[in-house]
Amino acid sequence: MLSATLQRRRFSDLSEQEILALAISNEEDDARIYRQYAEHLREEFPSSAKVFDGMAEEEDEHRRLLIEAHQARFGDVIPLIRREHVAGFYARRPVWLVENLGLETIRGEAREMERQAEQFYRKAADRTSDANTRKLLGDLAAAEADHIHAASDLEAKHLDDAARETEDDAAHRQFILTWVQPGLAGLMDGSVSTLAPIFATAFATQDTHTTFLVGLAASVGAGISMGFTEAASDDGELSGRGSPIKRGFASGIMTTLGGLGHALPYLITDFWTATTIAILVVFVELWAIVWIQNRFMQTPFMRATLQVVVGGALVFAAGAIIGGG
């Protein structure tokens, strides 16, 4: 890592030809990113896909103009220089980290891409004493600002209020189906189903180490079971619930966390201190589930309370009574 950093060129050391070559490679990379966004969105969000198709075409046009400028000043051979070769240059997040975060995140990333480029070129121009280089950097900053306006024009053309609202609703629904619903099911299962074995063990043995091991085993086992069950139950093709792998991870991880929440306090050696904290954690977990149900699943608050808090209290009581007996 240190070696790669030391091998980078400083922006102030680049020649005007290298700066122009860097701008060309930037435009090429950004056009490819926009096309990947468009392809990723085309099936579910066709209007937004058209916006990114248009932005990619804008990048292609700017790249063409930059190549013509390079040919006029320096000839046909363009030096190979990219963002990662320049110290302190802005970086693009990998596409796969962005495209799975939702429609609005992708839109925001695109706007940030254009703003980063504009701001960088303006700051670079301010630090440059050579008049021709300052002009070149200023022109590039202006071009990036034009990109932002062009993106707004494309959104106005292809993404009117009705289309945006429809796509936003679809994106929200997909987020609920793929992440919230299986995650909530896992959290409920992990929080409630592990109450009886954990607290039965606690009151039966009054041994915090044994209780923790039982809780850890129950939580991890339930998480693995719920994850595989969710992933195998529906491939998402007909139901539209999204990737089974994503749903499986959401369900499995939240199931494990739900159980670990009231198992971890038993790392404390004093039994009654650990049990008191575990009971408080259970209280917080159950009300968090109620809030999520009410917020994302539109479940009436009182119904969610009866389903979760009352049900959880009964399971806890069963475990405590069985363990105490």
C-alpha atoms as a PDB file:
ATOM      1  CA  MET A   1       0.000   0.000   0.000  1.00  0.00           C
ATOM      2  CA  LEU A   2       2.766   2.459   0.944  1.00  0.00           C
ATOM      3  CA  SER A   3       4.764   1.534  -2.161  1.00  0.00           C
ATOM      4  CA  ALA A   4       1.761   2.180  -4.434  1.00  0.00           C
ATOM      5  CA  THR A   5       1.184   5.558  -2.788  1.00  0.00           C
ATOM      6  CA  LEU A   6       4.827   6.623  -3.183  1.00  0.00           C
ATOM      7  CA  GLN A   7       4.781   5.692  -6.869  1.00  0.00           C
ATOM      8  CA  ARG A   8       1.939   8.088  -7.680  1.00  0.00           C
ATOM      9  CA  ARG A   9       2.609  11.333  -9.497  1.00  0.00           C
ATOM     10  CA  ARG A  10       1.720  14.663  -7.979  1.00  0.00           C
ATOM     11  CA  PHE A  11      -0.798  16.626  -9.984  1.00  0.00           C
ATOM     12  CA  SER A  12       1.494  19.645  -9.990  1.00  0.00           C
ATOM     13  CA  ASP A  13       4.162  17.547 -11.740  1.00  0.00           C
ATOM     14  CA  LEU A  14       1.953  16.606 -14.688  1.00  0.00           C
ATOM     15  CA  SER A  15       2.531  18.245 -18.044  1.00  0.00           C
ATOM     16  CA  GLU A  16      -0.310  19.846 -19.954  1.00  0.00           C
ATOM     17  CA  GLN A  17      -0.382  16.842 -22.280  1.00  0.00           C
ATOM     18  CA  GLU A  18      -0.690  14.488 -19.307  1.00  0.00           C
ATOM     19  CA  ILE A  19      -3.471  16.602 -17.802  1.00  0.00           C
ATOM     20  CA  LEU A  20      -5.367  16.417 -21.083  1.00  0.00           C
ATOM     21  CA  ALA A  21      -4.763  12.650 -21.274  1.00  0.00           C
ATOM     22  CA  LEU A  22      -6.025  12.310 -17.701  1.00  0.00           C
ATOM     23  CA  ALA A  23      -9.197  14.202 -18.615  1.00  0.00           C
ATOM     24  CA  ILE A  24      -9.732  11.869 -21.590  1.00  0.00           C
ATOM     25  CA  SER A  25      -9.431   8.741 -19.444  1.00  0.00           C
ATOM     26  CA  ASN A  26     -11.750  10.258 -16.831  1.00  0.00           C
ATOM     27  CA  GLU A  27     -14.452  10.894 -19.418  1.00  0.00           C
ATOM     28  CA  GLU A  28     -14.072   7.365 -20.763  1.00  0.00           C
ATOM     29  CA  ASP A  29     -14.330   5.793 -17.305  1.00  0.00           C
ATOM     30  CA  ASP A  30     -17.350   7.883 -16.310  1.00  0.00           C
ATOM     31  CA  ALA A  31     -19.167   6.994 -19.539  1.00  0.00           C
ATOM     32  CA  ARG A  32     -18.651   3.303 -18.771  1.00  0.00           C
ATOM     33  CA  ILE A  33     -19.918   3.773 -15.220  1.00  0.00           C
ATOM     34  CA  TYR A  34     -23.076   5.514 -16.454  1.00  0.00           C
ATOM     35  CA  ARG A  35     -23.711   2.731 -18.960  1.00  0.00           C
ATOM     36  CA  GLN A  36     -23.383   0.140 -16.200  1.00  0.00           C
ATOM     37  CA  TYR A  37     -25.889   2.082 -14.104  1.00  0.00           C
ATOM     38  CA  ALA A  38     -28.255   2.250 -17.076  1.00  0.00           C
ATOM     39  CA  GLU A  39     -27.979  -1.480 -17.729  1.00  0.00           C
ATOM     40  CA  HIS A  40     -28.533  -2.277 -14.059  1.00  0.00           C
ATOM     41  CA  LEU A  41     -31.662  -0.089 -13.908  1.00  0.00           C
ATOM     42  CA  ARG A  42     -33.135  -0.761 -17.346  1.00  0.00           C
ATOM     43  CA  GLU A  43     -35.547  -3.547 -16.435  1.00  0.00           C
ATOM     44  CA  GLU A  44     -37.065  -2.051 -13.281  1.00  0.00           C
ATOM     45  CA  PHE A  45     -36.469   1.684 -13.808  1.00  0.00           C
ATOM     46  CA  PRO A  46     -36.469   2.377 -17.569  1.00  0.00           C
ATOM     47  CA  SER A  47     -36.868   6.148 -17.226  1.00  0.00           C
ATOM     48  CA  SER A  48     -33.794   6.452 -15.008  1.00  0.00           C
ATOM     49  CA  ALA A  49     -31.915   4.139 -17.373  1.00  0.00           C
ATOM     50  CA  LYS A  50     -32.574   6.619 -20.202  1.00  0.00           C
ATOM     51  CA  VAL A  51     -31.137   9.407 -18.050  1.00  0.00           C
ATOM     52  CA  PHE A  52     -27.877   7.493 -17.573  1.00  0.00           C
ATOM     53  CA  ASP A  53     -27.768   6.540 -21.260  1.00  0.00           C
ATOM     54  CA  GLY A  54     -27.936  10.256 -22.057  1.00  0.00           C
ATOM     55  CA  MET A  55     -25.241  11.101 -19.506  1.00  0.00           C
ATOM     56  CA  ALA A  56     -22.958   8.443 -21.022  1.00  0.00           C
ATOM     57  CA  GLU A  57     -23.471  10.011 -24.441  1.00  0.00           C
ATOM     58  CA  GLU A  58     -22.546  13.417 -22.989  1.00  0.00           C
ATOM     59  CA  GLU A  59     -19.316  11.940 -21.592  1.00  0.00           C
ATOM     60  CA  ASP A  60     -18.556  10.382 -24.990  1.00  0.00           C
ATOM     61  CA  GLU A  61     -18.984  13.754 -26.679  1.00  0.00           C
ATOM     62  CA  HIS A  62     -16.686  15.500 -24.203  1.00  0.00           C
ATOM     63  CA  ARG A  63     -14.117  12.729 -24.634  1.00  0.00           C
ATOM     64  CA  ARG A  64     -14.277  13.230 -28.409  1.00  0.00           C
ATOM     65  CA  LEU A  65     -13.679  16.975 -28.034  1.00  0.00           C
ATOM     66  CA  LEU A  66     -10.771  16.368 -25.670  1.00  0.00           C
ATOM     67  CA  ILE A  67      -9.183  13.881 -28.081  1.00  0.00           C
ATOM     68  CA  GLU A  68      -9.484  16.414 -30.890  1.00  0.00           C
ATOM     69  CA  ALA A  69      -7.803  19.018 -28.680  1.00  0.00           C
ATOM     70  CA  HIS A  70      -5.010  16.576 -27.869  1.00  0.00           C
ATOM     71  CA  GLN A  71      -4.507  15.730 -31.551  1.00  0.00           C
ATOM     72  CA  ALA A  72      -4.306  19.419 -32.434  1.00  0.00           C
ATOM     73  CA  ARG A  73      -1.720  20.214 -29.740  1.00  0.00           C
ATOM     74  CA  PHE A  74       0.252  17.016 -29.142  1.00  0.00           C
ATOM     75  CA  GLY A  75      -0.541  14.497 -31.886  1.00  0.00           C
ATOM     76  CA  ASP A  76      -2.294  11.130 -31.978  1.00  0.00           C
ATOM     77  CA  VAL A  77      -0.390   9.288 -29.212  1.00  0.00           C
ATOM     78  CA  ILE A  78      -2.202   9.848 -25.914  1.00  0.00           C
ATOM     79  CA  PRO A  79      -0.179   9.079 -22.740  1.00  0.00           C
ATOM     80  CA  LEU A  80      -1.625   6.394 -20.487  1.00  0.00           C
ATOM     81  CA  ILE A  81      -2.480   8.087 -17.197  1.00  0.00           C
ATOM     82  CA  ARG A  82      -5.447   7.395 -14.959  1.00  0.00           C
ATOM     83  CA  ARG A  83      -6.884   8.596 -11.661  1.00  0.00           C
ATOM     84  CA  GLU A  84      -5.052   5.984  -9.631  1.00  0.00           C
ATOM     85  CA  HIS A  85      -1.717   7.220 -10.996  1.00  0.00           C
ATOM     86  CA  VAL A  86      -2.141  10.683  -9.442  1.00  0.00           C
ATOM     87  CA  ALA A  87      -1.699  11.357  -5.714  1.00  0.00           C
ATOM     88  CA  GLY A  88      -4.701  12.981  -4.057  1.00  0.00           C
ATOM     89  CA  PHE A  89      -6.935  12.611  -7.101  1.00  0.00           C
ATOM     90  CA  TYR A  90     -10.612  11.909  -6.477  1.00  0.00           C
ATOM     91  CA  ALA A  91     -11.587   8.242  -6.681  1.00  0.00           C
ATOM     92  CA  ARG A  92     -14.703   6.541  -7.963  1.00  0.00           C
ATOM     93  CA  ARG A  93     -16.388   3.960  -5.792  1.00  0.00           C
ATOM     94  CA  PRO A  94     -16.648   0.528  -7.466  1.00  0.00           C
ATOM     95  CA  VAL A  95     -19.944   0.198  -9.331  1.00  0.00           C
ATOM     96  CA  TRP A  96     -20.918  -2.975  -7.474  1.00  0.00           C
ATOM     97  CA  LEU A  97     -20.779  -1.120  -4.158  1.00  0.00           C
ATOM     98  CA  VAL A  98     -23.240   1.481  -5.408  1.00  0.00           C
ATOM     99  CA  GLU A  99     -25.706  -0.332  -7.646  1.00  0.00           C
ATOM    100  CA  ASN A 100     -26.955  -2.566  -4.807  1.00  0.00           C
ATOM    101  CA  LEU A 101     -27.773   0.398  -2.542  1.00  0.00           C
ATOM    102  CA  GLY A 102     -30.893   1.576  -4.337  1.00  0.00           C
ATOM    103  CA  LEU A 103     -32.068   3.946  -7.034  1.00  0.00           C
ATOM    104  CA  GLU A 104     -31.673   7.206  -5.140  1.00  0.00           C
ATOM    105  CA  THR A 105     -28.164   6.234  -4.057  1.00  0.00           C
ATOM    106  CA  ILE A 106     -27.186   5.706  -7.699  1.00  0.00           C
ATOM    107  CA  ARG A 107     -28.654   9.088  -8.664  1.00  0.00           C
ATOM    108  CA  GLY A 108     -26.787  10.746  -5.812  1.00  0.00           C
ATOM    109  CA  GLU A 109     -23.529   9.018  -6.754  1.00  0.00           C
ATOM    110  CA  ALA A 110     -23.839  10.328 -10.315  1.00  0.00           C
ATOM    111  CA  ARG A 111     -24.363  13.884  -9.088  1.00  0.00           C
ATOM    112  CA  GLU A 112     -21.394  13.526  -6.757  1.00  0.00           C
ATOM    113  CA  MET A 113     -19.218  12.227  -9.609  1.00  0.00           C
ATOM    114  CA  GLU A 114     -19.802  15.429 -11.570  1.00  0.00           C
ATOM    115  CA  ARG A 115     -19.369  17.704  -8.530  1.00  0.00           C
ATOM    116  CA  GLN A 116     -16.096  16.010  -7.530  1.00  0.00           C
ATOM    117  CA  ALA A 117     -14.614  16.468 -10.971  1.00  0.00           C
ATOM    118  CA  GLU A 118     -15.648  20.129 -11.191  1.00  0.00           C
ATOM    119  CA  GLN A 119     -14.346  20.975  -7.716  1.00  0.00           C
ATOM    120  CA  PHE A 120     -11.061  19.191  -8.290  1.00  0.00           C
ATOM    121  CA  TYR A 121     -10.330  20.989 -11.548  1.00  0.00           C
ATOM    122  CA  ARG A 122     -11.176  24.370 -10.037  1.00  0.00           C
ATOM    123  CA  LYS A 123      -8.923  23.792  -7.032  1.00  0.00           C
ATOM    124  CA  ALA A 124      -6.168  22.523  -9.293  1.00  0.00           C
ATOM    125  CA  ALA A 125      -6.473  25.642 -11.459  1.00  0.00           C
ATOM    126  CA  ASP A 126      -6.156  27.864  -8.369  1.00  0.00           C
ATOM    127  CA  ARG A 127      -2.875  26.156  -7.437  1.00  0.00           C
ATOM    128  CA  THR A 128      -1.334  26.437 -10.901  1.00  0.00           C
ATOM    129  CA  SER A 129       0.829  29.413 -11.855  1.00  0.00           C
ATOM    130  CA  ASP A 130       1.172  28.651 -15.577  1.00  0.00           C
ATOM    131  CA  ALA A 131      -1.404  30.660 -17.500  1.00  0.00           C
ATOM    132  CA  ASN A 132      -2.073  28.025 -20.162  1.00  0.00           C
ATOM    133  CA  THR A 133      -2.468  25.263 -17.594  1.00  0.00           C
ATOM    134  CA  ARG A 134      -4.794  27.426 -15.512  1.00  0.00           C
ATOM    135  CA  LYS A 135      -6.935  28.023 -18.597  1.00  0.00           C
ATOM    136  CA  LEU A 136      -7.002  24.322 -19.424  1.00  0.00           C
ATOM    137  CA  LEU A 137      -8.058  23.360 -15.903  1.00  0.00           C
ATOM    138  CA  GLY A 138     -10.660  26.111 -15.850  1.00  0.00           C
ATOM    139  CA  ASP A 139     -12.105  24.828 -19.123  1.00  0.00           C
ATOM    140  CA  LEU A 140     -12.303  21.326 -17.691  1.00  0.00           C
ATOM    141  CA  ALA A 141     -14.077  22.626 -14.575  1.00  0.00           C
ATOM    142  CA  ALA A 142     -16.575  24.440 -16.775  1.00  0.00           C
ATOM    143  CA  ALA A 143     -17.135  21.256 -18.766  1.00  0.00           C
ATOM    144  CA  GLU A 144     -17.895  19.329 -15.564  1.00  0.00           C
ATOM    145  CA  ALA A 145     -20.331  22.052 -14.490  1.00  0.00           C
ATOM    146  CA  ASP A 146     -22.014  21.684 -17.883  1.00  0.00           C
ATOM    147  CA  HIS A 147     -22.320  17.963 -17.188  1.00  0.00           C
ATOM    148  CA  ILE A 148     -24.334  18.711 -14.030  1.00  0.00           C
ATOM    149  CA  HIS A 149     -26.698  20.965 -15.974  1.00  0.00           C
ATOM    150  CA  ALA A 150     -26.945  18.421 -18.762  1.00  0.00           C
ATOM    151  CA  ALA A 151     -27.857  15.731 -16.242  1.00  0.00           C
ATOM    152  CA  SER A 152     -30.620  17.957 -14.887  1.00  0.00           C
ATOM    153  CA  ASP A 153     -31.916  18.542 -18.431  1.00  0.00           C
ATOM    154  CA  LEU A 154     -31.904  14.809 -19.110  1.00  0.00           C
ATOM    155  CA  GLU A 155     -33.815  14.123 -15.902  1.00  0.00           C
ATOM    156  CA  ALA A 156     -36.391  16.737 -16.892  1.00  0.00           C
ATOM    157  CA  LYS A 157     -36.707  15.096 -20.323  1.00  0.00           C
ATOM    158  CA  HIS A 158     -36.873  11.433 -19.345  1.00  0.00           C
ATOM    159  CA  LEU A 159     -37.881  11.530 -15.679  1.00  0.00           C
ATOM    160  CA  ASP A 160     -40.961  13.672 -15.064  1.00  0.00           C
ATOM    161  CA  ASP A 161     -42.639  13.859 -11.659  1.00  0.00           C
ATOM    162  CA  ALA A 162     -44.958  10.937 -12.377  1.00  0.00           C
ATOM    163  CA  ALA A 163     -42.125   8.697 -13.609  1.00  0.00           C
ATOM    164  CA  ARG A 164     -39.906   9.639 -10.657  1.00  0.00           C
ATOM    165  CA  GLU A 165     -42.680   8.960  -8.165  1.00  0.00           C
ATOM    166  CA  THR A 166     -43.437   5.600  -9.774  1.00  0.00           C
ATOM    167  CA  GLU A 167     -39.790   4.553  -9.753  1.00  0.00           C
ATOM    168  CA  ASP A 168     -39.230   5.790  -6.200  1.00  0.00           C
ATOM    169  CA  ASP A 169     -42.254   3.811  -5.025  1.00  0.00           C
ATOM    170  CA  ALA A 170     -40.969   0.725  -6.827  1.00  0.00           C
ATOM    171  CA  ALA A 171     -37.489   1.157  -5.314  1.00  0.00           C
ATOM    172  CA  HIS A 172     -38.953   1.559  -1.812  1.00  0.00           C
ATOM    173  CA  ARG A 173     -41.113  -1.525  -2.290  1.00  0.00           C
ATOM    174  CA  GLN A 174     -38.111  -3.517  -3.504  1.00  0.00           C
ATOM    175  CA  PHE A 175     -36.086  -2.384  -0.471  1.00  0.00           C
ATOM    176  CA  ILE A 176     -38.882  -3.553   1.817  1.00  0.00           C
ATOM    177  CA  LEU A 177     -39.249  -6.940   0.096  1.00  0.00           C
ATOM    178  CA  THR A 178     -35.536  -7.688  -0.253  1.00  0.00           C
ATOM    179  CA  TRP A 179     -34.080  -6.334   2.994  1.00  0.00           C
ATOM    180  CA  VAL A 180     -36.646  -5.179   5.559  1.00  0.00           C
ATOM    181  CA  GLN A 181     -39.140  -8.031   5.399  1.00  0.00           C
ATOM    182  CA  PRO A 182     -36.655 -10.942   5.672  1.00  0.00           C
ATOM    183  CA  GLY A 183     -34.506  -8.977   8.126  1.00  0.00           C
ATOM    184  CA  LEU A 184     -37.524  -8.274  10.319  1.00  0.00           C
ATOM    185  CA  ALA A 185     -38.604 -11.909  10.191  1.00  0.00           C
ATOM    186  CA  GLY A 186     -35.101 -12.914  11.227  1.00  0.00           C
ATOM    187  CA  LEU A 187     -34.949 -10.374  14.048  1.00  0.00           C
ATOM    188  CA  MET A 188     -38.309 -11.555  15.383  1.00  0.00           C
ATOM    189  CA  ASP A 189     -37.292 -15.195  15.197  1.00  0.00           C
ATOM    190  CA  GLY A 190     -33.882 -14.601  16.756  1.00  0.00           C
ATOM    191  CA  SER A 191     -35.192 -12.369  19.534  1.00  0.00           C
ATOM    192  CA  VAL A 192     -38.260 -14.406  20.482  1.00  0.00           C
ATOM    193  CA  SER A 193     -37.381 -18.030  19.720  1.00  0.00           C
ATOM    194  CA  THR A 194     -34.143 -17.919  21.717  1.00  0.00           C
ATOM    195  CA  LEU A 195     -35.761 -16.417  24.821  1.00  0.00           C
ATOM    196  CA  ALA A 196     -36.982 -19.727  26.217  1.00  0.00           C
ATOM    197  CA  PRO A 197     -33.743 -21.753  25.861  1.00  0.00           C
ATOM    198  CA  ILE A 198     -31.496 -18.930  27.045  1.00  0.00           C
ATOM    199  CA  PHE A 199     -33.495 -17.963  30.125  1.00  0.00           C
ATOM    200  CA  ALA A 200     -34.419 -21.578  30.930  1.00  0.00           C
ATOM    201  CA  THR A 201     -30.709 -22.382  30.988  1.00  0.00           C
ATOM    202  CA  ALA A 202     -29.974 -19.243  32.994  1.00  0.00           C
ATOM    203  CA  PHE A 203     -32.457 -19.969  35.773  1.00  0.00           C
ATOM    204  CA  ALA A 204     -31.785 -23.708  35.768  1.00  0.00           C
ATOM    205  CA  THR A 205     -28.014 -23.450  36.103  1.00  0.00           C
ATOM    206  CA  GLN A 206     -27.376 -19.868  37.279  1.00  0.00           C
ATOM    207  CA  ASP A 207     -24.099 -20.316  35.420  1.00  0.00           C
ATOM    208  CA  THR A 208     -23.349 -17.373  33.142  1.00  0.00           C
ATOM    209  CA  HIS A 209     -20.740 -19.217  31.052  1.00  0.00           C
ATOM    210  CA  THR A 210     -23.078 -22.116  30.280  1.00  0.00           C
ATOM    211  CA  THR A 211     -25.914 -19.711  29.527  1.00  0.00           C
ATOM    212  CA  PHE A 212     -23.751 -17.749  27.124  1.00  0.00           C
ATOM    213  CA  LEU A 213     -22.671 -20.895  25.262  1.00  0.00           C
ATOM    214  CA  VAL A 214     -26.297 -22.036  24.929  1.00  0.00           C
ATOM    215  CA  GLY A 215     -27.327 -18.578  23.736  1.00  0.00           C
ATOM    216  CA  LEU A 216     -24.460 -18.420  21.239  1.00  0.00           C
ATOM    217  CA  ALA A 217     -25.271 -21.860  19.851  1.00  0.00           C
ATOM    218  CA  ALA A 218     -28.993 -21.097  19.639  1.00  0.00           C
ATOM    219  CA  SER A 219     -28.399 -17.743  17.928  1.00  0.00           C
ATOM    220  CA  VAL A 220     -25.888 -18.961  15.364  1.00  0.00           C
ATOM    221  CA  GLY A 221     -27.858 -22.119  14.657  1.00  0.00           C
ATOM    222  CA  ALA A 222     -31.089 -20.196  14.215  1.00  0.00           C
ATOM    223  CA  GLY A 223     -29.328 -17.681  11.964  1.00  0.00           C
ATOM    224  CA  ILE A 224     -27.946 -20.382   9.681  1.00  0.00           C
ATOM    225  CA  SER A 225     -31.318 -22.133   9.547  1.00  0.00           C
ATOM    226  CA  MET A 226     -33.294 -18.954   8.827  1.00  0.00           C
ATOM    227  CA  GLY A 227     -30.785 -17.791   6.216  1.00  0.00           C
ATOM    228  CA  PHE A 228     -30.884 -21.008   4.239  1.00  0.00           C
ATOM    229  CA  THR A 229     -34.660 -21.297   4.601  1.00  0.00           C
ATOM    230  CA  GLU A 230     -35.234 -17.775   3.280  1.00  0.00           C
ATOM    231  CA  ALA A 231     -32.831 -18.222   0.370  1.00  0.00           C
ATOM    232  CA  ALA A 232     -34.271 -21.600  -0.619  1.00  0.00           C
ATOM    233  CA  SER A 233     -37.949 -20.730  -0.184  1.00  0.00           C
ATOM    234  CA  ASP A 234     -38.230 -18.256  -3.081  1.00  0.00           C
ATOM    235  CA  ASP A 235     -35.889 -17.459  -5.974  1.00  0.00           C
ATOM    236  CA  GLY A 236     -37.590 -14.069  -6.377  1.00  0.00           C
ATOM    237  CA  GLU A 237     -38.367 -14.525 -10.073  1.00  0.00           C
ATOM    238  CA  LEU A 238     -42.149 -14.702  -9.740  1.00  0.00           C
ATOM    239  CA  SER A 239     -42.652 -12.976  -6.396  1.00  0.00           C
ATOM    240  CA  GLY A 240     -40.395 -10.020  -7.257  1.00  0.00           C
ATOM    241  CA  ARG A 241     -38.818 -10.179  -3.789  1.00  0.00           C
ATOM    242  CA  GLY A 242     -35.313  -9.799  -5.140  1.00  0.00           C
ATOM    243  CA  SER A 243     -32.132 -11.838  -4.849  1.00  0.00           C
ATOM    244  CA  PRO A 244     -32.489 -14.919  -2.615  1.00  0.00           C
ATOM    245  CA  ILE A 245     -28.866 -14.477  -1.525  1.00  0.00           C
ATOM    246  CA  LYS A 246     -29.521 -10.930  -0.267  1.00  0.00           C
ATOM    247  CA  ARG A 247     -32.695 -12.027   1.507  1.00  0.00           C
ATOM    248  CA  GLY A 248     -30.897 -15.012   3.009  1.00  0.00           C
ATOM    249  CA  PHE A 249     -28.095 -12.853   4.382  1.00  0.00           C
ATOM    250  CA  ALA A 250     -30.574 -10.288   5.748  1.00  0.00           C
ATOM    251  CA  SER A 251     -32.633 -12.952   7.490  1.00  0.00           C
ATOM    252  CA  GLY A 252     -29.689 -14.986   8.790  1.00  0.00           C
ATOM    253  CA  ILE A 253     -27.680 -12.043  10.111  1.00  0.00           C
ATOM    254  CA  MET A 254     -30.653 -10.410  11.837  1.00  0.00           C
ATOM    255  CA  THR A 255     -31.700 -13.745  13.376  1.00  0.00           C
ATOM    256  CA  THR A 256     -28.235 -14.193  14.836  1.00  0.00           C
ATOM    257  CA  LEU A 257     -28.111 -10.624  16.138  1.00  0.00           C
ATOM    258  CA  GLY A 258     -31.571 -10.985  17.668  1.00  0.00           C
ATOM    259  CA  GLY A 259     -30.422 -13.940  19.746  1.00  0.00           C
ATOM    260  CA  LEU A 260     -26.993 -12.594  20.588  1.00  0.00           C
ATOM    261  CA  GLY A 261     -28.515  -9.402  21.990  1.00  0.00           C
ATOM    262  CA  HIS A 262     -29.652 -11.125  25.171  1.00  0.00           C
ATOM    263  CA  ALA A 263     -26.929 -13.805  25.151  1.00  0.00           C
ATOM    264  CA  LEU A 264     -23.959 -11.437  25.281  1.00  0.00           C
ATOM    265  CA  PRO A 265     -24.802 -10.037  28.748  1.00  0.00           C
ATOM    266  CA  TYR A 266     -23.968 -13.478  30.132  1.00  0.00           C
ATOM    267  CA  LEU A 267     -20.325 -12.787  29.441  1.00  0.00           C
ATOM    268  CA  ILE A 268     -20.636 -10.933  32.757  1.00  0.00           C
ATOM    269  CA  THR A 269     -19.736 -13.343  35.547  1.00  0.00           C
ATOM    270  CA  ASP A 270     -22.277 -12.096  38.101  1.00  0.00           C
ATOM    271  CA  PHE A 271     -25.522 -13.960  37.382  1.00  0.00           C
ATOM    272  CA  TRP A 272     -28.086 -11.392  38.521  1.00  0.00           C
ATOM    273  CA  THR A 273     -26.253  -8.476  36.894  1.00  0.00           C
ATOM    274  CA  ALA A 274     -26.098 -10.383  33.599  1.00  0.00           C
ATOM    275  CA  THR A 275     -29.743 -11.440  33.849  1.00  0.00           C
ATOM    276  CA  THR A 276     -30.941  -7.919  34.622  1.00  0.00           C
ATOM    277  CA  ILE A 277     -29.068  -6.503  31.620  1.00  0.00           C
ATOM    278  CA  ALA A 278     -30.325  -9.354  29.394  1.00  0.00           C
ATOM    279  CA  ILE A 279     -33.938  -8.591  30.389  1.00  0.00           C
ATOM    280  CA  LEU A 280     -33.427  -4.904  29.570  1.00  0.00           C
ATOM    281  CA  VAL A 281     -31.954  -5.877  26.190  1.00  0.00           C
ATOM    282  CA  VAL A 282     -34.986  -8.062  25.485  1.00  0.00           C
ATOM    283  CA  PHE A 283     -37.242  -5.118  26.306  1.00  0.00           C
ATOM    284  CA  VAL A 284     -35.361  -2.907  23.831  1.00  0.00           C
ATOM    285  CA  GLU A 285     -35.334  -5.629  21.148  1.00  0.00           C
ATOM    286  CA  LEU A 286     -39.071  -6.223  21.316  1.00  0.00           C
ATOM    287  CA  TRP A 287     -39.947  -2.540  21.118  1.00  0.00           C
ATOM    288  CA  ALA A 288     -37.492  -2.092  18.244  1.00  0.00           C
ATOM    289  CA  ILE A 289     -39.361  -4.825  16.361  1.00  0.00           C
ATOM    290  CA  VAL A 290     -42.650  -3.073  17.071  1.00  0.00           C
ATOM    291  CA  TRP A 291     -41.237   0.195  15.710  1.00  0.00           C
ATOM    292  CA  ILE A 292     -39.914  -1.466  12.537  1.00  0.00           C
ATOM    293  CA  GLN A 293     -43.233  -3.187  11.921  1.00  0.00           C
ATOM    294  CA  ASN A 294     -45.112   0.056  12.380  1.00  0.00           C
ATOM    295  CA  ARG A 295     -42.627   2.154  10.362  1.00  0.00           C
ATOM    296  CA  PHE A 296     -41.911  -0.075   7.374  1.00  0.00           C
ATOM    297  CA  MET A 297     -44.673  -2.686   7.289  1.00  0.00           C
ATOM    298  CA  GLN A 298     -47.542  -0.317   8.219  1.00  0.00           C
ATOM    299  CA  THR A 299     -48.642  -2.669  10.999  1.00  0.00           C
ATOM    300  CA  PRO A 300     -50.922  -0.815  13.476  1.00  0.00           C
ATOM    301  CA  PHE A 301     -48.994  -0.005  16.622  1.00  0.00           C
ATOM    302  CA  MET A 302     -51.315  -1.814  19.025  1.00  0.00           C
ATOM    303  CA  ARG A 303     -51.464  -4.933  16.876  1.00  0.00           C
ATOM    304  CA  ALA A 304     -47.662  -5.007  16.613  1.00  0.00           C
ATOM    305  CA  THR A 305     -47.408  -4.551  20.379  1.00  0.00           C
ATOM    306  CA  LEU A 306     -49.730  -7.478  21.058  1.00  0.00           C
ATOM    307  CA  GLN A 307     -47.962  -9.696  18.535  1.00  0.00           C
ATOM    308  CA  VAL A 308     -44.415  -8.971  19.604  1.00  0.00           C
ATOM    309  CA  VAL A 309     -44.238  -7.633  23.158  1.00  0.00           C
ATOM    310  CA  VAL A 310     -46.979  -9.787  24.633  1.00  0.00           C
ATOM    311  CA  GLY A 311     -45.828 -12.855  22.674  1.00  0.00           C
ATOM    312  CA  GLY A 312     -42.223 -12.270  23.685  1.00  0.00           C
ATOM    313  CA  ALA A 313     -43.199 -11.829  27.326  1.00  0.00           C
ATOM    314  CA  LEU A 314     -45.027 -15.163  27.271  1.00  0.00           C
ATOM    315  CA  VAL A 315     -42.024 -16.945  25.739  1.00  0.00           C
ATOM    316  CA  PHE A 316     -39.720 -15.335  28.326  1.00  0.00           C
ATOM    317  CA  ALA A 317     -42.056 -16.372  31.137  1.00  0.00           C
ATOM    318  CA  ALA A 318     -42.166 -19.936  29.818  1.00  0.00           C
ATOM    319  CA  GLY A 319     -38.381 -20.139  29.772  1.00  0.00           C
ATOM    320  CA  ALA A 320     -38.027 -18.626  33.255  1.00  0.00           C
ATOM    321  CA  ILE A 321     -40.680 -20.895  34.763  1.00  0.00           C
ATOM    322  CA  ILE A 322     -39.285 -24.040  33.163  1.00  0.00           C
ATOM    323  CA  GLY A 323     -35.738 -23.128  34.157  1.00  0.00           C
ATOM    324  CA  GLY A 324     -36.744 -22.105  37.675  1.00  0.00           C
ATOM    325  CA  GLY A 325     -38.724 -25.286  38.173  1.00  0.00           C
END
